[in-house]
C-alpha atoms as a PDB file:
ATOM      1  CA  MET A   1       0.377   3.661 -15.690  1.00  0.00           C
ATOM      2  CA  SER A   2      -3.164   4.616 -16.501  1.00  0.00           C
ATOM      3  CA  ALA A   3      -4.466   4.909 -12.928  1.00  0.00           C
ATOM      4  CA  LEU A   4      -5.174   8.291 -11.367  1.00  0.00           C
ATOM      5  CA  ILE A   5      -3.269   8.684  -8.106  1.00  0.00           C
ATOM      6  CA  HIS A   6      -5.276  10.170  -5.252  1.00  0.00           C
ATOM      7  CA  HIS A   7      -3.035   9.223  -2.304  1.00  0.00           C
ATOM      8  CA  PHE A   8       0.599   8.145  -2.066  1.00  0.00           C
ATOM      9  CA  VAL A   9       2.210   6.946   1.157  1.00  0.00           C
ATOM     10  CA  VAL A  10       5.721   5.571   1.593  1.00  0.00           C
ATOM     11  CA  HIS A  11       6.596   4.022   4.927  1.00  0.00           C
ATOM     12  CA  ARG A  12      10.164   3.673   6.172  1.00  0.00           C
ATOM     13  CA  LEU A  13      11.641   0.180   6.625  1.00  0.00           C
ATOM     14  CA  ILE A  14      14.565  -0.231   8.997  1.00  0.00           C
ATOM     15  CA  LEU A  15      16.623  -3.125  10.264  1.00  0.00           C
ATOM     16  CA  ASN A  16      16.239  -3.135  14.053  1.00  0.00           C
ATOM     17  CA  LYS A  17      18.727  -4.345  16.672  1.00  0.00           C
ATOM     18  CA  GLU A  18      17.416  -7.911  16.338  1.00  0.00           C
ATOM     19  CA  ASP A  19      18.148  -7.832  12.570  1.00  0.00           C
ATOM     20  CA  LYS A  20      14.424  -7.876  11.791  1.00  0.00           C
ATOM     21  CA  ILE A  21      12.735  -5.508   9.379  1.00  0.00           C
ATOM     22  CA  GLN A  22      10.532  -2.978  11.131  1.00  0.00           C
ATOM     23  CA  ALA A  23       8.067  -0.623   9.447  1.00  0.00           C
ATOM     24  CA  ILE A  24       7.964   2.992  10.581  1.00  0.00           C
ATOM     25  CA  PRO A  25       4.559   4.241   9.398  1.00  0.00           C
ATOM     26  CA  ARG A  26       4.288   7.658   7.810  1.00  0.00           C
ATOM     27  CA  ASP A  27       1.638   9.871   9.413  1.00  0.00           C
ATOM     28  CA  ASN A  28       0.553  11.685   6.242  1.00  0.00           C
ATOM     29  CA  CYS A  29       0.346  11.326   2.481  1.00  0.00           C
ATOM     30  CA  LEU A  30       2.933  12.699   0.096  1.00  0.00           C
ATOM     31  CA  ALA A  31       1.804  15.401  -2.330  1.00  0.00           C
ATOM     32  CA  VAL A  32       1.043  13.899  -5.738  1.00  0.00           C
ATOM     33  CA  THR A  33       3.616  15.574  -7.984  1.00  0.00           C
ATOM     34  CA  PRO A  34       4.955  14.588 -11.410  1.00  0.00           C
ATOM     35  CA  GLU A  35       7.894  12.951  -9.597  1.00  0.00           C
ATOM     36  CA  ILE A  36       5.546  10.867  -7.425  1.00  0.00           C
ATOM     37  CA  GLU A  37       3.549   9.864 -10.512  1.00  0.00           C
ATOM     38  CA  LEU A  38       6.800   8.762 -12.184  1.00  0.00           C
ATOM     39  CA  LEU A  39       7.833   6.791  -9.101  1.00  0.00           C
ATOM     40  CA  ALA A  40       4.421   5.073  -8.986  1.00  0.00           C
ATOM     41  CA  HIS A  41       4.725   4.248 -12.694  1.00  0.00           C
ATOM     42  CA  GLN A  42       8.213   2.782 -12.171  1.00  0.00           C
ATOM     43  CA  ILE A  43       7.070   0.661  -9.208  1.00  0.00           C
ATOM     44  CA  ASN A  44       4.064  -0.573 -11.193  1.00  0.00           C
ATOM     45  CA  HIS A  45       6.221  -1.383 -14.238  1.00  0.00           C
ATOM     46  CA  SER A  46       8.811  -3.185 -12.122  1.00  0.00           C
ATOM     47  CA  PHE A  47       6.163  -5.330 -10.407  1.00  0.00           C
ATOM     48  CA  ASN A  48       4.177  -6.116 -13.547  1.00  0.00           C
ATOM     49  CA  SER A  49       7.248  -7.093 -15.590  1.00  0.00           C
ATOM     50  CA  LYS A  50       8.232  -9.873 -13.151  1.00  0.00           C
ATOM     51  CA  PRO A  51       7.164 -13.401 -14.114  1.00  0.00           C
ATOM     52  CA  GLY A  52       5.264 -15.584 -11.699  1.00  0.00           C
ATOM     53  CA  LYS A  53       3.749 -12.890  -9.513  1.00  0.00           C
ATOM     54  CA  GLY A  54       0.620 -13.928  -7.673  1.00  0.00           C
ATOM     55  CA  VAL A  55      -2.761 -12.309  -7.700  1.00  0.00           C
ATOM     56  CA  GLY A  56      -4.497 -11.735  -4.400  1.00  0.00           C
ATOM     57  CA  HIS A  57      -8.140 -11.798  -3.479  1.00  0.00           C
ATOM     58  CA  PHE A  58     -10.244 -11.252  -0.387  1.00  0.00           C
ATOM     59  CA  VAL A  59     -11.705 -14.191   1.480  1.00  0.00           C
ATOM     60  CA  ASP A  60     -14.783 -14.304   3.676  1.00  0.00           C
ATOM     61  CA  SER A  61     -14.081 -12.916   7.119  1.00  0.00           C
ATOM     62  CA  ASP A  62     -15.219 -16.237   8.614  1.00  0.00           C
ATOM     63  CA  ASP A  63     -12.408 -18.070   6.817  1.00  0.00           C
ATOM     64  CA  ALA A  64      -9.358 -15.905   7.549  1.00  0.00           C
ATOM     65  CA  ASP A  65      -8.047 -12.667   9.000  1.00  0.00           C
ATOM     66  CA  SER A  66      -9.482  -9.911   6.840  1.00  0.00           C
ATOM     67  CA  ALA A  67      -7.905  -6.851   8.471  1.00  0.00           C
ATOM     68  CA  PHE A  68      -6.794  -5.435   5.117  1.00  0.00           C
ATOM     69  CA  ALA A  69     -10.214  -5.944   3.521  1.00  0.00           C
ATOM     70  CA  ASP A  70     -11.911  -4.389   6.564  1.00  0.00           C
ATOM     71  CA  GLY A  71      -9.478  -1.444   6.526  1.00  0.00           C
ATOM     72  CA  LEU A  72     -10.018  -0.877   2.807  1.00  0.00           C
ATOM     73  CA  LYS A  73     -13.787  -0.926   3.269  1.00  0.00           C
ATOM     74  CA  ALA A  74     -13.519   1.562   6.155  1.00  0.00           C
ATOM     75  CA  PHE A  75     -11.372   3.848   3.977  1.00  0.00           C
ATOM     76  CA  LEU A  76     -13.772   3.630   1.026  1.00  0.00           C
ATOM     77  CA  ASP A  77     -16.677   4.353   3.395  1.00  0.00           C
ATOM     78  CA  LYS A  78     -14.710   7.430   4.593  1.00  0.00           C
ATOM     79  CA  LYS A  79     -14.510   6.051   8.143  1.00  0.00           C
ATOM     80  CA  LYS A  80     -10.719   5.780   8.121  1.00  0.00           C
ATOM     81  CA  ARG A  81      -7.881   7.905   6.694  1.00  0.00           C
ATOM     82  CA  VAL A  82      -5.768   6.320   3.986  1.00  0.00           C
ATOM     83  CA  VAL A  83      -2.615   6.604   6.089  1.00  0.00           C
ATOM     84  CA  SER A  84      -4.097   4.741   9.067  1.00  0.00           C
ATOM     85  CA  PHE A  85      -5.388   1.831   7.012  1.00  0.00           C
END
């Protein structure tokens, strides 16, 4: 992977009592170590080697829910921490 990693967050997924997947958000970033860089590379390789994966894009906020796009913009504008977005 050729990208430089600045932040790495892994949230916990559990199966709750209703047999639904629930995300338990992490409250801080993991330190970027050689092991984390290897993990990120393996995740990237695994995703990119699968056929038929889709490519996402942002839509105008008038057309759809743009919470992710708004959160990303707030993070890039340094108004929000990476973990909270």
